[in-house]
Amino acid sequence: MATETIAGTEVQVDEEGFFVDPNVWTEDMAGELASQVGVDELTEDHWTVIKFCRTDFDAKGESPTLRRVSTETGVPTKQLFALFPKKPAKKMSYVSGVPKPKGCV
């Protein structure tokens, strides 16, 4: 495991940069994490997705799938690809501080 400093806080991350302990994530870290994956500005729609990912992870114990996020938040899949380009499930989980979803490459 590696250690990175994100928004002034040292956190342990796995080999792909995902938080080892999702509980250390704070909203202040989201902007920095987003910029690391090519998302320059977090809009209200981004925050809807991020907050859902956090809540769903807490409830289910695993990161939500793209389909689940779309179904539960009402944000269309096409818009998720616009918000988190190329690999939305992986990127939204990364920015949310939750583990990489199962099945993501």
Protein backbone atom coordinates (compact mmCIF):
# COMPACT_ATOMS: atom_id res chain seq x y z
CA MET A 1 0.00 0.00 0.00
CA ALA A 2 1.11 3.50 -0.78
CA THR A 3 0.44 6.75 1.00
CA GLU A 4 -0.66 9.91 -0.81
CA THR A 5 -1.41 13.39 0.44
CA ILE A 6 -4.83 14.53 -0.75
CA ALA A 7 -6.16 17.94 0.29
CA GLY A 8 -3.49 18.08 2.99
CA THR A 9 -4.35 14.68 4.50
CA GLU A 10 -2.25 11.54 4.19
CA VAL A 11 -4.29 8.56 3.06
CA GLN A 12 -3.42 4.97 2.24
CA VAL A 13 -4.27 3.93 -1.31
CA ASP A 14 -4.12 0.67 -3.22
CA GLU A 15 -2.05 0.06 -6.37
CA GLU A 16 -4.62 1.92 -8.50
CA GLY A 17 -4.96 4.89 -6.14
CA PHE A 18 -8.30 3.94 -4.55
CA PHE A 19 -8.66 4.62 -0.83
CA VAL A 20 -7.92 1.64 1.39
CA ASP A 21 -10.25 3.09 4.03
CA PRO A 22 -13.20 4.96 2.46
CA ASN A 23 -13.99 6.51 5.86
CA VAL A 24 -11.03 8.91 5.62
CA TRP A 25 -12.53 10.59 2.53
CA THR A 26 -13.88 14.13 2.93
CA GLU A 27 -15.74 16.40 0.53
CA ASP A 28 -12.67 18.65 0.46
CA MET A 29 -10.76 15.81 -1.24
CA ALA A 30 -13.26 15.37 -4.07
CA GLY A 31 -12.05 18.30 -6.18
CA GLU A 32 -8.44 17.16 -6.07
CA LEU A 33 -9.40 13.55 -6.84
CA ALA A 34 -11.59 14.75 -9.72
CA SER A 35 -8.77 16.75 -11.28
CA GLN A 36 -6.55 13.64 -11.13
CA VAL A 37 -9.00 11.79 -13.41
CA GLY A 38 -9.62 14.67 -15.82
CA VAL A 39 -12.73 16.22 -14.28
CA ASP A 40 -11.97 19.93 -13.90
CA GLU A 41 -15.06 21.18 -12.10
CA LEU A 42 -17.58 19.43 -9.87
CA THR A 43 -21.12 20.50 -10.71
CA GLU A 44 -24.33 19.83 -8.82
CA ASP A 45 -24.83 16.70 -10.98
CA HIS A 46 -21.36 15.44 -10.03
CA TRP A 47 -22.23 15.92 -6.36
CA THR A 48 -25.51 14.03 -6.78
CA VAL A 49 -23.55 11.06 -8.11
CA ILE A 50 -20.73 11.35 -5.53
CA LYS A 51 -23.13 11.53 -2.59
CA PHE A 52 -25.11 8.57 -3.93
CA CYS A 53 -21.94 6.50 -4.33
CA ARG A 54 -20.96 7.23 -0.73
CA THR A 55 -24.42 6.47 0.68
CA ASP A 56 -24.87 3.34 -1.40
CA PHE A 57 -21.42 2.04 -0.47
CA ASP A 58 -22.20 2.57 3.22
CA ALA A 59 -25.49 0.68 2.84
CA LYS A 60 -24.36 -2.17 0.56
CA GLY A 61 -20.65 -2.55 1.37
CA GLU A 62 -19.61 -2.31 -2.28
CA SER A 63 -19.40 0.40 -4.91
CA PRO A 64 -22.51 0.86 -7.04
CA THR A 65 -22.58 -0.13 -10.68
CA LEU A 66 -23.17 2.39 -13.43
CA ARG A 67 -26.66 1.04 -13.96
CA ARG A 68 -27.51 1.34 -10.27
CA VAL A 69 -26.27 4.94 -10.11
CA SER A 70 -28.31 5.85 -13.18
CA THR A 71 -31.45 4.09 -11.95
CA GLU A 72 -31.33 5.41 -8.39
CA THR A 73 -30.25 9.01 -9.09
CA GLY A 74 -32.16 9.56 -12.32
CA VAL A 75 -28.96 10.69 -14.04
CA PRO A 76 -29.01 9.05 -17.48
CA THR A 77 -26.10 6.76 -18.37
CA LYS A 78 -25.18 9.02 -21.26
CA GLN A 79 -24.86 11.94 -18.84
CA LEU A 80 -22.68 9.84 -16.49
CA PHE A 81 -20.29 9.37 -19.42
CA ALA A 82 -20.27 13.15 -19.92
CA LEU A 83 -19.70 13.84 -16.21
CA PHE A 84 -16.97 11.19 -15.80
CA PRO A 85 -15.58 10.65 -19.35
CA LYS A 86 -14.38 7.28 -20.68
CA LYS A 87 -14.65 5.16 -17.52
CA PRO A 88 -17.50 6.65 -15.50
CA ALA A 89 -18.01 3.85 -12.95
CA LYS A 90 -14.33 3.75 -12.09
CA LYS A 91 -13.93 7.54 -12.03
CA MET A 92 -17.05 8.29 -9.97
CA SER A 93 -15.97 5.69 -7.40
CA TYR A 94 -12.45 7.13 -7.33
CA VAL A 95 -13.69 10.68 -6.77
CA SER A 96 -16.16 9.42 -4.14
CA GLY A 97 -13.39 7.68 -2.22
CA VAL A 98 -14.99 4.24 -2.46
CA PRO A 99 -13.40 1.05 -3.87
CA LYS A 100 -13.25 0.35 -7.58
CA PRO A 101 -16.50 -1.36 -8.64
CA LYS A 102 -16.36 -5.09 -9.20
CA GLY A 103 -16.01 -5.87 -12.88
CA CYS A 104 -14.13 -2.66 -13.72
CA VAL A 105 -10.91 -3.13 -15.63
